[in-house]
PDB file of N, CA and C in Angstrom:
ATOM      1  N   MET A   1      90.779  33.742  -8.371  1.00  0.00           N
ATOM      2  CA  MET A   1      89.622  33.237  -9.058  1.00  0.00           C
ATOM      3  C   MET A   1      88.319  33.612  -8.383  1.00  0.00           C
ATOM      4  N   SER A   2      88.372  34.119  -7.217  1.00  0.00           N
ATOM      5  CA  SER A   2      87.137  34.366  -6.495  1.00  0.00           C
ATOM      6  C   SER A   2      86.261  35.417  -7.142  1.00  0.00           C
ATOM      7  N   GLY A   3      86.801  36.277  -7.978  1.00  0.00           N
ATOM      8  CA  GLY A   3      86.006  37.310  -8.608  1.00  0.00           C
ATOM      9  C   GLY A   3      85.412  36.885  -9.936  1.00  0.00           C
ATOM     10  N   LEU A   4      85.759  35.693 -10.436  1.00  0.00           N
ATOM     11  CA  LEU A   4      85.258  35.251 -11.730  1.00  0.00           C
ATOM     12  C   LEU A   4      83.806  34.830 -11.621  1.00  0.00           C
ATOM     13  N   ARG A   5      83.093  35.002 -12.706  1.00  0.00           N
ATOM     14  CA  ARG A   5      81.689  34.608 -12.729  1.00  0.00           C
ATOM     15  C   ARG A   5      81.475  33.588 -13.837  1.00  0.00           C
ATOM     16  N   GLN A   6      80.542  32.697 -13.576  1.00  0.00           N
ATOM     17  CA  GLN A   6      80.193  31.675 -14.554  1.00  0.00           C
ATOM     18  C   GLN A   6      78.951  32.155 -15.291  1.00  0.00           C
ATOM     19  N   ILE A   7      78.942  32.071 -16.586  1.00  0.00           N
ATOM     20  CA  ILE A   7      77.806  32.514 -17.385  1.00  0.00           C
ATOM     21  C   ILE A   7      77.139  31.282 -17.973  1.00  0.00           C
ATOM     22  N   GLU A   8      75.814  31.217 -17.816  1.00  0.00           N
ATOM     23  CA  GLU A   8      75.060  30.077 -18.331  1.00  0.00           C
ATOM     24  C   GLU A   8      73.892  30.593 -19.145  1.00  0.00           C
ATOM     25  N   PHE A   9      73.698  30.023 -20.312  1.00  0.00           N
ATOM     26  CA  PHE A   9      72.562  30.393 -21.155  1.00  0.00           C
ATOM     27  C   PHE A   9      71.479  29.343 -20.989  1.00  0.00           C
ATOM     28  N   ARG A  10      70.262  29.809 -20.737  1.00  0.00           N
ATOM     29  CA  ARG A  10      69.127  28.896 -20.599  1.00  0.00           C
ATOM     30  C   ARG A  10      68.020  29.376 -21.514  1.00  0.00           C
ATOM     31  N   GLY A  11      67.568  28.517 -22.373  1.00  0.00           N
ATOM     32  CA  GLY A  11      66.438  28.864 -23.227  1.00  0.00           C
ATOM     33  C   GLY A  11      66.746  30.031 -24.132  1.00  0.00           C
ATOM     34  N   ASP A  12      66.143  31.143 -23.855  1.00  0.00           N
ATOM     35  CA  ASP A  12      66.271  32.363 -24.653  1.00  0.00           C
ATOM     36  C   ASP A  12      67.682  32.928 -24.478  1.00  0.00           C
ATOM     37  N   PRO A  13      68.479  32.980 -25.570  1.00  0.00           N
ATOM     38  CA  PRO A  13      69.869  33.456 -25.429  1.00  0.00           C
ATOM     39  C   PRO A  13      69.968  34.924 -25.043  1.00  0.00           C
ATOM     40  N   SER A  14      68.864  35.667 -25.140  1.00  0.00           N
ATOM     41  CA  SER A  14      68.927  37.080 -24.735  1.00  0.00           C
ATOM     42  C   SER A  14      68.870  37.220 -23.216  1.00  0.00           C
ATOM     43  N   ARG A  15      68.508  36.144 -22.537  1.00  0.00           N
ATOM     44  CA  ARG A  15      68.484  36.165 -21.063  1.00  0.00           C
ATOM     45  C   ARG A  15      69.706  35.440 -20.549  1.00  0.00           C
ATOM     46  N   VAL A  16      70.458  36.066 -19.724  1.00  0.00           N
ATOM     47  CA  VAL A  16      71.703  35.501 -19.219  1.00  0.00           C
ATOM     48  C   VAL A  16      71.607  35.404 -17.703  1.00  0.00           C
ATOM     49  N   ALA A  17      71.948  34.234 -17.175  1.00  0.00           N
ATOM     50  CA  ALA A  17      72.012  34.048 -15.724  1.00  0.00           C
ATOM     51  C   ALA A  17      73.475  34.028 -15.319  1.00  0.00           C
ATOM     52  N   VAL A  18      73.826  34.833 -14.356  1.00  0.00           N
ATOM     53  CA  VAL A  18      75.209  34.919 -13.903  1.00  0.00           C
ATOM     54  C   VAL A  18      75.242  34.454 -12.451  1.00  0.00           C
ATOM     55  N   PHE A  19      76.061  33.458 -12.188  1.00  0.00           N
ATOM     56  CA  PHE A  19      76.192  32.916 -10.844  1.00  0.00           C
ATOM     57  C   PHE A  19      77.600  33.185 -10.335  1.00  0.00           C
ATOM     58  N   PRO A  20      77.742  33.626  -9.108  1.00  0.00           N
ATOM     59  CA  PRO A  20      79.095  33.846  -8.581  1.00  0.00           C
ATOM     60  C   PRO A  20      79.787  32.508  -8.332  1.00  0.00           C
ATOM     61  N   VAL A  21      81.048  32.479  -8.522  1.00  0.00           N
ATOM     62  CA  VAL A  21      81.836  31.288  -8.231  1.00  0.00           C
ATOM     63  C   VAL A  21      82.007  31.220  -6.720  1.00  0.00           C
ATOM     64  N   PRO A  22      81.745  30.056  -6.115  1.00  0.00           N
ATOM     65  CA  PRO A  22      81.877  29.966  -4.653  1.00  0.00           C
ATOM     66  C   PRO A  22      83.316  30.202  -4.214  1.00  0.00           C
ATOM     67  N   GLU A  23      83.453  30.732  -3.009  1.00  0.00           N
ATOM     68  CA  GLU A  23      84.778  30.993  -2.438  1.00  0.00           C
ATOM     69  C   GLU A  23      85.540  29.685  -2.245  1.00  0.00           C
ATOM     70  N   HIS A  24      84.814  28.659  -1.819  1.00  0.00           N
ATOM     71  CA  HIS A  24      85.460  27.373  -1.539  1.00  0.00           C
ATOM     72  C   HIS A  24      84.805  26.301  -2.396  1.00  0.00           C
ATOM     73  N   VAL A  25      85.575  25.660  -3.216  1.00  0.00           N
ATOM     74  CA  VAL A  25      85.081  24.537  -4.014  1.00  0.00           C
ATOM     75  C   VAL A  25      85.416  23.276  -3.234  1.00  0.00           C
ATOM     76  N   PRO A  26      84.382  22.491  -2.878  1.00  0.00           N
ATOM     77  CA  PRO A  26      84.655  21.304  -2.055  1.00  0.00           C
ATOM     78  C   PRO A  26      85.506  20.270  -2.804  1.00  0.00           C
ATOM     79  N   THR A  27      86.338  19.603  -2.032  1.00  0.00           N
ATOM     80  CA  THR A  27      87.162  18.539  -2.609  1.00  0.00           C
ATOM     81  C   THR A  27      86.315  17.292  -2.791  1.00  0.00           C
ATOM     82  N   GLU A  28      86.850  16.342  -3.506  1.00  0.00           N
ATOM     83  CA  GLU A  28      86.112  15.088  -3.731  1.00  0.00           C
ATOM     84  C   GLU A  28      85.833  14.387  -2.405  1.00  0.00           C
ATOM     85  N   SER A  29      86.817  14.372  -1.513  1.00  0.00           N
ATOM     86  CA  SER A  29      86.614  13.702  -0.221  1.00  0.00           C
ATOM     87  C   SER A  29      85.552  14.428   0.607  1.00  0.00           C
ATOM     88  N   GLU A  30      85.515  15.770   0.515  1.00  0.00           N
ATOM     89  CA  GLU A  30      84.469  16.523   1.219  1.00  0.00           C
ATOM     90  C   GLU A  30      83.092  16.199   0.626  1.00  0.00           C
ATOM     91  N   LEU A  31      83.032  16.083  -0.688  1.00  0.00           N
ATOM     92  CA  LEU A  31      81.769  15.720  -1.330  1.00  0.00           C
ATOM     93  C   LEU A  31      81.328  14.315  -0.935  1.00  0.00           C
ATOM     94  N   VAL A  32      82.270  13.398  -0.868  1.00  0.00           N
ATOM     95  CA  VAL A  32      81.955  12.024  -0.459  1.00  0.00           C
ATOM     96  C   VAL A  32      81.448  12.025   0.976  1.00  0.00           C
ATOM     97  N   ARG A  33      82.131  12.754   1.861  1.00  0.00           N
ATOM     98  CA  ARG A  33      81.686  12.847   3.264  1.00  0.00           C
ATOM     99  C   ARG A  33      80.289  13.452   3.338  1.00  0.00           C
ATOM    100  N   SER A  34      80.068  14.492   2.593  1.00  0.00           N
ATOM    101  CA  SER A  34      78.758  15.152   2.585  1.00  0.00           C
ATOM    102  C   SER A  34      77.680  14.207   2.072  1.00  0.00           C
ATOM    103  N   LEU A  35      77.994  13.479   1.016  1.00  0.00           N
ATOM    104  CA  LEU A  35      77.033  12.523   0.470  1.00  0.00           C
ATOM    105  C   LEU A  35      76.728  11.423   1.480  1.00  0.00           C
ATOM    106  N   ARG A  36      77.743  10.931   2.161  1.00  0.00           N
ATOM    107  CA  ARG A  36      77.528   9.903   3.196  1.00  0.00           C
ATOM    108  C   ARG A  36      76.625  10.438   4.315  1.00  0.00           C
ATOM    109  N   GLU A  37      76.851  11.685   4.704  1.00  0.00           N
ATOM    110  CA  GLU A  37      76.016  12.291   5.751  1.00  0.00           C
ATOM    111  C   GLU A  37      74.567  12.409   5.288  1.00  0.00           C
ATOM    112  N   VAL A  38      74.377  12.817   4.049  1.00  0.00           N
ATOM    113  CA  VAL A  38      73.012  12.919   3.504  1.00  0.00           C
ATOM    114  C   VAL A  38      72.364  11.536   3.470  1.00  0.00           C
ATOM    115  N   GLU A  39      73.098  10.535   3.040  1.00  0.00           N
ATOM    116  CA  GLU A  39      72.558   9.173   2.982  1.00  0.00           C
ATOM    117  C   GLU A  39      72.228   8.657   4.381  1.00  0.00           C
ATOM    118  N   ARG A  40      73.116   8.972   5.337  1.00  0.00           N
ATOM    119  CA  ARG A  40      72.855   8.557   6.733  1.00  0.00           C
ATOM    120  C   ARG A  40      71.581   9.218   7.246  1.00  0.00           C
ATOM    121  N   ARG A  41      71.429  10.488   6.957  1.00  0.00           N
ATOM    122  CA  ARG A  41      70.228  11.220   7.400  1.00  0.00           C
ATOM    123  C   ARG A  41      68.976  10.669   6.711  1.00  0.00           C
ATOM    124  N   GLU A  42      69.094  10.311   5.440  1.00  0.00           N
ATOM    125  CA  GLU A  42      67.960   9.704   4.740  1.00  0.00           C
ATOM    126  C   GLU A  42      67.555   8.393   5.398  1.00  0.00           C
ATOM    127  N   ARG A  43      68.553   7.580   5.775  1.00  0.00           N
ATOM    128  CA  ARG A  43      68.248   6.314   6.465  1.00  0.00           C
ATOM    129  C   ARG A  43      67.541   6.590   7.792  1.00  0.00           C
ATOM    130  N   GLN A  44      68.021   7.590   8.534  1.00  0.00           N
ATOM    131  CA  GLN A  44      67.371   7.943   9.800  1.00  0.00           C
ATOM    132  C   GLN A  44      65.922   8.356   9.567  1.00  0.00           C
ATOM    133  N   LEU A  45      65.713   9.163   8.542  1.00  0.00           N
ATOM    134  CA  LEU A  45      64.348   9.606   8.250  1.00  0.00           C
ATOM    135  C   LEU A  45      63.469   8.451   7.797  1.00  0.00           C
ATOM    136  N   ASP A  46      64.043   7.535   7.003  1.00  0.00           N
ATOM    137  CA  ASP A  46      63.280   6.347   6.597  1.00  0.00           C
ATOM    138  C   ASP A  46      62.893   5.511   7.816  1.00  0.00           C
ATOM    139  N   GLN A  47      63.824   5.381   8.759  1.00  0.00           N
ATOM    140  CA  GLN A  47      63.528   4.639   9.985  1.00  0.00           C
ATOM    141  C   GLN A  47      62.443   5.347  10.800  1.00  0.00           C
ATOM    142  N   ALA A  48      62.525   6.667  10.865  1.00  0.00           N
ATOM    143  CA  ALA A  48      61.504   7.426  11.598  1.00  0.00           C
ATOM    144  C   ALA A  48      60.143   7.269  10.937  1.00  0.00           C
ATOM    145  N   LEU A  49      60.117   7.321   9.613  1.00  0.00           N
ATOM    146  CA  LEU A  49      58.850   7.134   8.901  1.00  0.00           C
ATOM    147  C   LEU A  49      58.290   5.735   9.139  1.00  0.00           C
ATOM    148  N   ALA A  50      59.155   4.731   9.139  1.00  0.00           N
ATOM    149  CA  ALA A  50      58.706   3.361   9.407  1.00  0.00           C
ATOM    150  C   ALA A  50      58.152   3.255  10.829  1.00  0.00           C
ATOM    151  N   ALA A  51      58.802   3.907  11.778  1.00  0.00           N
ATOM    152  CA  ALA A  51      58.328   3.881  13.163  1.00  0.00           C
ATOM    153  C   ALA A  51      56.965   4.562  13.278  1.00  0.00           C
ATOM    154  N   VAL A  52      56.800   5.676  12.594  1.00  0.00           N
ATOM    155  CA  VAL A  52      55.512   6.379  12.623  1.00  0.00           C
ATOM    156  C   VAL A  52      54.426   5.505  12.001  1.00  0.00           C
ATOM    157  N   ALA A  53      54.742   4.836  10.889  1.00  0.00           N
ATOM    158  CA  ALA A  53      53.767   3.953  10.247  1.00  0.00           C
ATOM    159  C   ALA A  53      53.384   2.808  11.182  1.00  0.00           C
ATOM    160  N   ALA A  54      54.369   2.242  11.870  1.00  0.00           N
ATOM    161  CA  ALA A  54      54.089   1.158  12.823  1.00  0.00           C
ATOM    162  C   ALA A  54      53.215   1.663  13.964  1.00  0.00           C
ATOM    163  N   GLN A  55      53.487   2.865  14.450  1.00  0.00           N
ATOM    164  CA  GLN A  55      52.674   3.426  15.527  1.00  0.00           C
ATOM    165  C   GLN A  55      51.253   3.691  15.052  1.00  0.00           C
ATOM    166  N   ARG A  56      51.109   4.123  13.811  1.00  0.00           N
ATOM    167  CA  ARG A  56      49.762   4.337  13.275  1.00  0.00           C
ATOM    168  C   ARG A  56      48.994   3.031  13.223  1.00  0.00           C
ATOM    169  N   GLU A  57      49.660   1.961  12.768  1.00  0.00           N
ATOM    170  CA  GLU A  57      49.009   0.652  12.719  1.00  0.00           C
ATOM    171  C   GLU A  57      48.617   0.200  14.121  1.00  0.00           C
ATOM    172  N   GLN A  58      49.514   0.401  15.061  1.00  0.00           N
ATOM    173  CA  GLN A  58      49.247   0.023  16.452  1.00  0.00           C
ATOM    174  C   GLN A  58      48.066   0.830  16.993  1.00  0.00           C
ATOM    175  N   LEU A  59      48.047   2.116  16.708  1.00  0.00           N
ATOM    176  CA  LEU A  59      46.944   2.968  17.150  1.00  0.00           C
ATOM    177  C   LEU A  59      45.627   2.509  16.543  1.00  0.00           C
ATOM    178  N   ALA A  60      45.641   2.170  15.261  1.00  0.00           N
ATOM    179  CA  ALA A  60      44.424   1.694  14.601  1.00  0.00           C
ATOM    180  C   ALA A  60      43.929   0.411  15.266  1.00  0.00           C
ATOM    181  N   ALA A  61      44.845  -0.479  15.623  1.00  0.00           N
ATOM    182  CA  ALA A  61      44.460  -1.718  16.296  1.00  0.00           C
ATOM    183  C   ALA A  61      43.871  -1.424  17.676  1.00  0.00           C
ATOM    184  N   VAL A  62      44.497  -0.500  18.400  1.00  0.00           N
ATOM    185  CA  VAL A  62      43.988  -0.134  19.728  1.00  0.00           C
ATOM    186  C   VAL A  62      42.609   0.506  19.605  1.00  0.00           C
ATOM    187  N   GLN A  63      42.436   1.368  18.602  1.00  0.00           N
ATOM    188  CA  GLN A  63      41.134   2.012  18.394  1.00  0.00           C
ATOM    189  C   GLN A  63      40.064   0.984  18.051  1.00  0.00           C
ATOM    190  N   ALA A  64      40.417   0.003  17.222  1.00  0.00           N
ATOM    191  CA  ALA A  64      39.453  -1.046  16.865  1.00  0.00           C
ATOM    192  C   ALA A  64      39.068  -1.852  18.108  1.00  0.00           C
ATOM    193  N   GLU A  65      40.048  -2.191  18.930  1.00  0.00           N
ATOM    194  CA  GLU A  65      39.763  -2.936  20.166  1.00  0.00           C
ATOM    195  C   GLU A  65      38.913  -2.092  21.117  1.00  0.00           C
ATOM    196  N   TYR A  66      39.240  -0.818  21.226  1.00  0.00           N
ATOM    197  CA  TYR A  66      38.458   0.089  22.064  1.00  0.00           C
ATOM    198  C   TYR A  66      37.009   0.130  21.584  1.00  0.00           C
ATOM    199  N   GLU A  67      36.820   0.261  20.287  1.00  0.00           N
ATOM    200  CA  GLU A  67      35.462   0.336  19.736  1.00  0.00           C
ATOM    201  C   GLU A  67      34.706  -0.966  19.981  1.00  0.00           C
ATOM    202  N   ARG A  68      35.395  -2.100  19.815  1.00  0.00           N
ATOM    203  CA  ARG A  68      34.759  -3.403  20.079  1.00  0.00           C
ATOM    204  C   ARG A  68      34.318  -3.485  21.541  1.00  0.00           C
ATOM    205  N   ARG A  69      35.184  -3.088  22.434  1.00  0.00           N
ATOM    206  CA  ARG A  69      34.837  -3.135  23.865  1.00  0.00           C
ATOM    207  C   ARG A  69      33.733  -2.139  24.200  1.00  0.00           C
ATOM    208  N   ARG A  70      33.789  -0.960  23.591  1.00  0.00           N
ATOM    209  CA  ARG A  70      32.758   0.047  23.841  1.00  0.00           C
ATOM    210  C   ARG A  70      31.390  -0.481  23.424  1.00  0.00           C
ATOM    211  N   LEU A  71      31.335  -1.106  22.268  1.00  0.00           N
ATOM    212  CA  LEU A  71      30.059  -1.665  21.808  1.00  0.00           C
ATOM    213  C   LEU A  71      29.595  -2.793  22.727  1.00  0.00           C
ATOM    214  N   GLY A  72      30.541  -3.592  23.209  1.00  0.00           N
ATOM    215  CA  GLY A  72      30.206  -4.648  24.166  1.00  0.00           C
ATOM    216  C   GLY A  72      29.650  -4.072  25.460  1.00  0.00           C
ATOM    217  N   LEU A  73      30.247  -2.984  25.929  1.00  0.00           N
ATOM    218  CA  LEU A  73      29.758  -2.348  27.158  1.00  0.00           C
ATOM    219  C   LEU A  73      28.381  -1.724  26.952  1.00  0.00           C
ATOM    220  N   ILE A  74      28.151  -1.179  25.778  1.00  0.00           N
ATOM    221  CA  ILE A  74      26.820  -0.631  25.488  1.00  0.00           C
ATOM    222  C   ILE A  74      25.786  -1.748  25.547  1.00  0.00           C
ATOM    223  N   GLU A  75      26.113  -2.871  24.932  1.00  0.00           N
ATOM    224  CA  GLU A  75      25.180  -4.015  24.943  1.00  0.00           C
ATOM    225  C   GLU A  75      24.975  -4.526  26.368  1.00  0.00           C
ATOM    226  N   ARG A  76      26.053  -4.650  27.123  1.00  0.00           N
ATOM    227  CA  ARG A  76      25.932  -5.135  28.514  1.00  0.00           C
ATOM    228  C   ARG A  76      25.122  -4.154  29.352  1.00  0.00           C
ATOM    229  N   THR A  77      25.309  -2.850  29.136  1.00  0.00           N
ATOM    230  CA  THR A  77      24.520  -1.841  29.850  1.00  0.00           C
ATOM    231  C   THR A  77      23.035  -2.026  29.557  1.00  0.00           C
ATOM    232  N   ARG A  78      22.703  -2.261  28.297  1.00  0.00           N
ATOM    233  CA  ARG A  78      21.298  -2.492  27.936  1.00  0.00           C
ATOM    234  C   ARG A  78      20.741  -3.721  28.643  1.00  0.00           C
ATOM    235  N   GLU A  79      21.547  -4.782  28.694  1.00  0.00           N
ATOM    236  CA  GLU A  79      21.108  -6.009  29.367  1.00  0.00           C
ATOM    237  C   GLU A  79      20.870  -5.754  30.857  1.00  0.00           C
ATOM    238  N   VAL A  80      21.795  -5.064  31.506  1.00  0.00           N
ATOM    239  CA  VAL A  80      21.677  -4.791  32.943  1.00  0.00           C
ATOM    240  C   VAL A  80      20.480  -3.881  33.213  1.00  0.00           C
ATOM    241  N   GLU A  81      20.303  -2.857  32.374  1.00  0.00           N
ATOM    242  CA  GLU A  81      19.156  -1.963  32.554  1.00  0.00           C
ATOM    243  C   GLU A  81      17.839  -2.703  32.354  1.00  0.00           C
ATOM    244  N   ALA A  82      17.796  -3.616  31.382  1.00  0.00           N
ATOM    245  CA  ALA A  82      16.573  -4.399  31.151  1.00  0.00           C
ATOM    246  C   ALA A  82      16.289  -5.295  32.353  1.00  0.00           C
ATOM    247  N   GLU A  83      17.318  -5.915  32.884  1.00  0.00           N
ATOM    248  CA  GLU A  83      17.140  -6.768  34.075  1.00  0.00           C
ATOM    249  C   GLU A  83      16.681  -5.934  35.263  1.00  0.00           C
ATOM    250  N   ARG A  84      17.287  -4.765  35.455  1.00  0.00           N
ATOM    251  CA  ARG A  84      16.880  -3.872  36.537  1.00  0.00           C
ATOM    252  C   ARG A  84      15.415  -3.464  36.378  1.00  0.00           C
ATOM    253  N   ASP A  85      15.033  -3.124  35.155  1.00  0.00           N
ATOM    254  CA  ASP A  85      13.636  -2.745  34.902  1.00  0.00           C
ATOM    255  C   ASP A  85      12.691  -3.904  35.207  1.00  0.00           C
ATOM    256  N   ARG A  86      13.096  -5.129  34.835  1.00  0.00           N
ATOM    257  CA  ARG A  86      12.252  -6.309  35.159  1.00  0.00           C
ATOM    258  C   ARG A  86      12.124  -6.486  36.664  1.00  0.00           C
ATOM    259  N   LEU A  87      13.248  -6.323  37.380  1.00  0.00           N
ATOM    260  CA  LEU A  87      13.206  -6.475  38.835  1.00  0.00           C
ATOM    261  C   LEU A  87      12.327  -5.399  39.484  1.00  0.00           C
ATOM    262  N   ARG A  88      12.444  -4.180  38.988  1.00  0.00           N
ATOM    263  CA  ARG A  88      11.605  -3.108  39.535  1.00  0.00           C
ATOM    264  C   ARG A  88      10.128  -3.368  39.250  1.00  0.00           C
ATOM    265  N   ALA A  89       9.836  -3.853  38.063  1.00  0.00           N
ATOM    266  CA  ALA A  89       8.442  -4.165  37.723  1.00  0.00           C
ATOM    267  C   ALA A  89       7.942  -5.309  38.584  1.00  0.00           C
ATOM    268  N   ASP A  90       8.771  -6.302  38.797  1.00  0.00           N
ATOM    269  CA  ASP A  90       8.394  -7.439  39.635  1.00  0.00           C
ATOM    270  C   ASP A  90       8.143  -6.976  41.076  1.00  0.00           C
ATOM    271  N   ARG A  91       9.022  -6.124  41.583  1.00  0.00           N
ATOM    272  CA  ARG A  91       8.835  -5.605  42.938  1.00  0.00           C
ATOM    273  C   ARG A  91       7.551  -4.774  43.030  1.00  0.00           C
ATOM    274  N   ALA A  92       7.307  -3.962  42.016  1.00  0.00           N
ATOM    275  CA  ALA A  92       6.074  -3.150  42.014  1.00  0.00           C
ATOM    276  C   ALA A  92       4.844  -4.051  42.009  1.00  0.00           C
ATOM    277  N   ASP A  93       4.918  -5.135  41.228  1.00  0.00           N
ATOM    278  CA  ASP A  93       3.793  -6.085  41.205  1.00  0.00           C
ATOM    279  C   ASP A  93       3.594  -6.721  42.579  1.00  0.00           C
ATOM    280  N   ARG A  94       4.676  -7.087  43.237  1.00  0.00           N
ATOM    281  CA  ARG A  94       4.568  -7.711  44.560  1.00  0.00           C
ATOM    282  C   ARG A  94       4.017  -6.729  45.592  1.00  0.00           C
ATOM    283  N   VAL A  95       4.469  -5.492  45.511  1.00  0.00           N
ATOM    284  CA  VAL A  95       3.951  -4.478  46.439  1.00  0.00           C
ATOM    285  C   VAL A  95       2.463  -4.290  46.193  1.00  0.00           C
ATOM    286  N   ALA A  96       2.071  -4.234  44.931  1.00  0.00           N
ATOM    287  CA  ALA A  96       0.648  -4.062  44.594  1.00  0.00           C
ATOM    288  C   ALA A  96      -0.163  -5.248  45.112  1.00  0.00           C
ATOM    289  N   GLU A  97       0.356  -6.463  44.911  1.00  0.00           N
ATOM    290  CA  GLU A  97      -0.344  -7.658  45.411  1.00  0.00           C
ATOM    291  C   GLU A  97      -0.461  -7.619  46.932  1.00  0.00           C
ATOM    292  N   SER A  98       0.621  -7.191  47.591  1.00  0.00           N
ATOM    293  CA  SER A  98       0.607  -7.117  49.043  1.00  0.00           C
ATOM    294  C   SER A  98      -0.433  -6.116  49.523  1.00  0.00           C
ATOM    295  N   LEU A  99      -0.506  -4.979  48.844  1.00  0.00           N
ATOM    296  CA  LEU A  99      -1.509  -3.981  49.224  1.00  0.00           C
ATOM    297  C   LEU A  99      -2.922  -4.513  49.006  1.00  0.00           C
ATOM    298  N   LEU A 100      -3.121  -5.232  47.929  1.00  0.00           N
ATOM    299  CA  LEU A 100      -4.456  -5.799  47.660  1.00  0.00           C
ATOM    300  C   LEU A 100      -4.804  -6.846  48.707  1.00  0.00           C
ATOM    301  N   GLN A 101      -3.839  -7.642  49.109  1.00  0.00           N
ATOM    302  CA  GLN A 101      -4.082  -8.651  50.159  1.00  0.00           C
ATOM    303  C   GLN A 101      -4.396  -7.977  51.492  1.00  0.00           C
ATOM    304  N   ASP A 102      -3.665  -6.902  51.803  1.00  0.00           N
ATOM    305  CA  ASP A 102      -3.919  -6.182  53.041  1.00  0.00           C
ATOM    306  C   ASP A 102      -5.321  -5.613  53.057  1.00  0.00           C
ATOM    307  N   ARG A 103      -5.769  -5.066  51.934  1.00  0.00           N
ATOM    308  CA  ARG A 103      -7.110  -4.513  51.847  1.00  0.00           C
ATOM    309  C   ARG A 103      -8.159  -5.612  51.967  1.00  0.00           C
ATOM    310  N   ALA A 104      -7.842  -6.747  51.413  1.00  0.00           N
ATOM    311  CA  ALA A 104      -8.805  -7.842  51.459  1.00  0.00           C
ATOM    312  C   ALA A 104      -8.946  -8.365  52.883  1.00  0.00           C
ATOM    313  N   LEU A 105      -7.893  -8.302  53.653  1.00  0.00           N
ATOM    314  CA  LEU A 105      -7.937  -8.779  55.025  1.00  0.00           C
ATOM    315  C   LEU A 105      -8.620  -7.762  55.947  1.00  0.00           C
ATOM    316  N   HIS A 106      -8.643  -6.518  55.593  1.00  0.00           N
ATOM    317  CA  HIS A 106      -9.205  -5.499  56.494  1.00  0.00           C
ATOM    318  C   HIS A 106     -10.567  -5.137  56.132  1.00  0.00           C
TER     319      HIS A 106
END
């Protein structure tokens, strides 16, 4: 039987598709085993997709927390710089007052 060909008509009957008959026709038990393997692989892929989705959610949460902290650090930096600027201005004022007092004494 290996040399026999199956003829199938599709649409236009003037076009004929000829497919070779496979050397080995799988048994029902082989088909069942193959189907089980495909289903097992589908479950594995579904689990992998679920894991990737969970990791994406986790990453989004980490990114949101990072952004919140980054904005907090920006605000704290502004506060510290403003305080530093006030201290420098205060010191400059004191130095200026000291110089004026020294001049007044001399």
